[in-house]
Protein backbone atom coordinates (compact mmCIF):
# COMPACT_ATOMS: atom_id res chain seq x y z
CA MET A 1 43.00 47.27 21.85
CA ASP A 2 42.03 44.99 18.97
CA LYS A 3 40.31 46.34 15.86
CA VAL A 4 38.10 44.70 13.25
CA ARG A 5 36.81 46.45 10.14
CA ILE A 6 33.41 45.41 8.81
CA THR A 7 31.01 46.48 6.09
CA SER A 8 27.28 45.91 5.90
CA ALA A 9 27.97 43.05 3.51
CA SER A 10 30.64 41.38 5.63
CA VAL A 11 28.97 41.00 9.01
CA GLU A 12 29.45 37.27 9.04
CA THR A 13 29.23 34.71 11.79
CA ALA A 14 32.94 35.06 12.59
CA ALA A 15 32.51 38.76 13.49
CA ILE A 16 29.44 38.03 15.61
CA ASN A 17 31.26 35.24 17.42
CA LEU A 18 34.29 37.45 18.06
CA VAL A 19 32.23 40.23 19.65
CA ALA A 20 30.25 37.72 21.72
CA ASP A 21 33.46 36.09 22.94
CA TYR A 22 34.89 39.42 24.11
CA LEU A 23 31.65 40.34 25.85
CA LYS A 24 31.38 36.99 27.64
CA LYS A 25 34.92 37.51 28.96
CA GLY A 26 33.89 40.80 30.55
CA LYS A 27 35.50 43.00 27.91
CA ILE A 28 34.47 46.41 26.58
CA VAL A 29 33.55 46.65 22.91
CA ALA A 30 33.19 49.85 20.88
CA LEU A 31 30.74 49.13 18.09
CA PRO A 32 28.22 50.67 15.72
CA THR A 33 24.64 50.79 16.97
CA ASP A 34 21.47 51.72 15.12
CA THR A 35 22.12 55.34 16.12
CA ILE A 36 25.72 56.33 16.94
CA TYR A 37 28.85 54.43 17.95
CA GLY A 38 28.77 53.21 21.52
CA PHE A 39 30.61 51.43 24.31
CA SER A 40 29.04 48.10 25.23
CA CYS A 41 29.50 45.32 27.76
CA LEU A 42 27.28 42.68 29.33
CA ALA A 43 24.69 44.45 31.44
CA ASP A 44 25.29 42.25 34.49
CA ASN A 45 29.08 42.67 34.60
CA VAL A 46 29.85 45.22 37.31
CA ARG A 47 33.57 45.39 36.59
CA ALA A 48 32.99 46.11 32.90
CA ILE A 49 30.35 48.75 33.69
CA LYS A 50 32.78 50.52 36.00
CA LYS A 51 35.43 50.53 33.27
CA ILE A 52 32.99 52.13 30.84
CA ARG A 53 32.37 54.87 33.39
CA ARG A 54 36.13 55.43 33.65
CA LEU A 55 36.38 55.61 29.86
CA LYS A 56 33.62 58.21 29.85
CA ARG A 57 35.52 60.20 32.54
CA ARG A 58 32.31 61.05 34.29
CA ASP A 59 32.62 63.51 37.14
CA GLN A 60 31.04 63.08 40.56
CA ARG A 61 27.72 64.56 39.41
CA ASP A 62 27.36 62.03 36.58
CA ILE A 63 28.96 58.98 38.20
CA GLN A 64 25.55 57.47 39.01
CA LYS A 65 23.96 58.38 35.67
CA PRO A 66 22.24 55.19 34.42
CA LEU A 67 23.33 53.37 31.28
CA LEU A 68 20.74 52.05 28.88
CA ILE A 69 20.43 48.41 27.91
CA LEU A 70 19.88 46.80 24.52
CA VAL A 71 17.59 43.76 24.32
CA SER A 72 16.87 41.23 21.59
CA GLY A 73 13.09 41.37 21.98
CA LEU A 74 10.14 41.58 24.34
CA ALA A 75 10.91 38.23 25.97
CA MET A 76 14.35 39.43 27.10
CA LEU A 77 12.92 42.82 28.09
CA LYS A 78 10.33 41.26 30.42
CA LYS A 79 13.05 39.46 32.38
CA TYR A 80 14.47 42.80 33.51
CA ALA A 81 11.62 45.31 33.36
CA LEU A 82 7.98 45.40 34.38
CA VAL A 83 5.88 45.60 31.23
CA PRO A 84 2.11 45.89 31.74
CA LYS A 85 -0.10 44.60 28.92
CA ARG A 86 -1.03 48.12 27.88
CA GLN A 87 2.63 49.05 27.60
CA THR A 88 3.39 45.87 25.64
CA ALA A 89 0.98 46.95 22.90
CA LEU A 90 2.50 50.43 22.89
CA LEU A 91 6.04 49.03 22.66
CA LYS A 92 5.12 46.99 19.60
CA GLN A 93 4.13 50.25 17.90
CA ILE A 94 7.13 52.24 19.15
CA TRP A 95 9.59 49.52 18.14
CA SER A 96 7.97 48.60 14.82
CA LYS A 97 10.17 48.24 11.76
CA ASN A 98 9.63 51.65 10.20
CA THR A 99 9.88 53.83 13.32
CA ARG A 100 13.00 55.72 14.40
CA PRO A 101 15.27 54.20 17.08
CA THR A 102 13.59 54.79 20.43
CA THR A 103 14.73 54.18 24.00
CA VAL A 104 12.03 53.73 26.63
CA ILE A 105 12.15 53.88 30.42
CA LEU A 106 10.25 51.19 32.30
CA ARG A 107 10.21 50.09 35.92
CA SER A 108 13.13 47.81 36.69
CA ARG A 109 12.72 44.36 38.21
CA GLY A 110 15.96 44.97 40.12
CA ARG A 111 17.82 42.13 38.42
CA LEU A 112 20.66 44.26 37.09
CA PRO A 113 23.44 45.83 39.18
CA GLN A 114 23.09 49.20 40.82
CA GLU A 115 26.22 50.31 38.93
CA LEU A 116 24.15 50.12 35.73
CA THR A 117 20.90 51.66 36.94
CA GLY A 118 22.34 54.25 39.32
CA ALA A 119 20.03 52.88 42.04
CA ALA A 120 17.02 54.32 40.16
CA ASP A 121 13.76 52.41 39.85
CA GLY A 122 13.71 52.93 36.10
CA LEU A 123 15.48 51.03 33.35
CA ALA A 124 16.27 52.61 29.97
CA VAL A 125 15.85 50.03 27.22
CA ARG A 126 16.06 49.89 23.44
CA LEU A 127 15.33 47.17 20.92
CA PRO A 128 17.95 47.80 18.20
CA LYS A 129 17.01 47.93 14.55
CA SER A 130 20.49 46.70 13.64
CA GLU A 131 20.59 43.02 12.67
CA PHE A 132 24.25 43.03 13.71
CA LEU A 133 23.30 43.95 17.29
CA ILE A 134 20.34 41.58 17.41
CA ARG A 135 22.56 38.66 16.42
CA ILE A 136 25.10 39.58 19.10
CA LEU A 137 22.35 39.81 21.73
CA LYS A 138 20.97 36.42 20.77
CA LYS A 139 24.46 34.95 20.90
CA VAL A 140 25.26 36.20 24.42
CA ARG A 141 21.67 35.69 25.64
CA LYS A 142 21.90 38.72 27.88
CA PRO A 143 21.18 42.44 27.48
CA LEU A 144 24.05 44.77 26.70
CA ALA A 145 24.85 47.92 28.60
CA SER A 146 25.30 50.71 26.06
CA THR A 147 26.34 54.35 26.10
CA SER A 148 27.62 56.81 23.51
CA LEU A 149 31.25 56.60 22.39
CA ASN A 150 32.55 59.82 23.87
CA ILE A 151 34.06 61.49 26.88
CA SER A 152 31.30 62.87 29.07
CA GLY A 153 30.32 66.35 27.95
CA ARG A 154 31.87 66.04 24.48
CA LYS A 155 30.34 65.16 21.13
CA SER A 156 30.00 61.49 20.25
CA LEU A 157 32.82 60.07 18.16
CA ASN A 158 31.61 59.00 14.72
CA ASP A 159 35.00 58.43 13.06
CA LEU A 160 37.02 55.72 14.79
CA ARG A 161 40.29 56.87 13.23
CA ARG A 162 40.35 59.48 15.99
CA LEU A 163 39.72 57.03 18.80
CA SER A 164 43.33 56.86 20.01
CA ARG A 165 43.42 60.65 20.34
CA TYR A 166 40.55 60.49 22.81
CA TRP A 167 41.89 57.47 24.69
CA PRO A 168 45.71 57.38 24.24
CA LEU A 169 46.47 55.14 27.24
CA PRO A 170 46.23 51.41 26.46
CA SER A 171 44.88 50.75 29.96
CA LEU A 172 41.99 53.13 29.28
CA GLN A 173 40.80 51.93 25.89
CA PRO A 174 38.05 49.57 24.79
CA ASP A 175 39.26 45.99 24.41
CA LEU A 176 37.77 45.54 20.94
CA VAL A 177 36.75 48.09 18.30
CA ILE A 178 34.34 47.20 15.51
CA ASP A 179 34.86 49.78 12.77
CA ALA A 180 32.03 50.07 10.27
CA GLY A 181 33.27 53.35 8.83
CA GLN A 182 32.07 56.82 9.63
CA SER A 183 28.70 56.79 11.33
CA ARG A 184 25.87 58.17 9.22
CA GLN A 185 23.82 58.89 12.31
CA GLN A 186 24.66 61.96 14.36
CA GLN A 187 21.72 61.77 16.73
CA ALA A 188 20.95 59.67 19.79
CA SER A 189 17.67 57.77 19.98
CA ARG A 190 14.35 59.29 20.94
CA LEU A 191 13.68 58.83 24.68
CA LEU A 192 10.25 58.13 26.17
CA ASP A 193 9.25 57.47 29.79
CA LEU A 194 6.62 54.72 29.83
CA ARG A 195 6.42 54.33 33.60
CA PRO A 196 3.22 56.39 33.93
CA VAL A 197 0.32 54.35 32.54
CA GLY A 198 -1.21 56.39 29.75
CA LYS A 199 0.45 58.91 27.48
CA PRO A 200 4.27 58.53 27.24
CA ILE A 201 6.42 61.38 28.52
CA ILE A 202 8.81 62.62 25.84
CA LEU A 203 12.23 63.22 27.43
CA ARG A 204 14.22 63.58 24.20
CA LYS A 205 12.74 64.14 20.75
């Protein structure tokens, strides 16, 4: 497990390139998101997705629970999800600069592996507000699978100094850890279901 410490002022090209390189090689990266710390890998890499599920220690009931994906913008989103014109206008409002981080569920185009979606017809997607994440997404040119940095059923880890206590075995650790200090956010993103045309269904406030 390799570790890199960053600050908001030191997220330079070298750090972006390092994360992108690990992701392209099918590795798991623990990194700060615009909400809480998370596990990430390329969204089309089945082997990496399966490793994330092992890291989460999900039981049989949760083994098919979908992971969300992070996208760099509407153009990337439309490659993987069906986005009617009416929903496009709504997304621009939901994902505007001054709104809180929001994950939406749209109908999947079926271009991502079943291991990610859990064989569901929906796809959970977020456009990050973090410039760090946006730059990584543009570098790899693919969406990232993302899920909270925790063992299933436990609180999310917001202080990476405790990471080795949660995952002591080297074979069951993320390949790269990007440490930006203790997470200020303690809350996951808002979750809206946009599959029904009309008023969004609020699944998590």
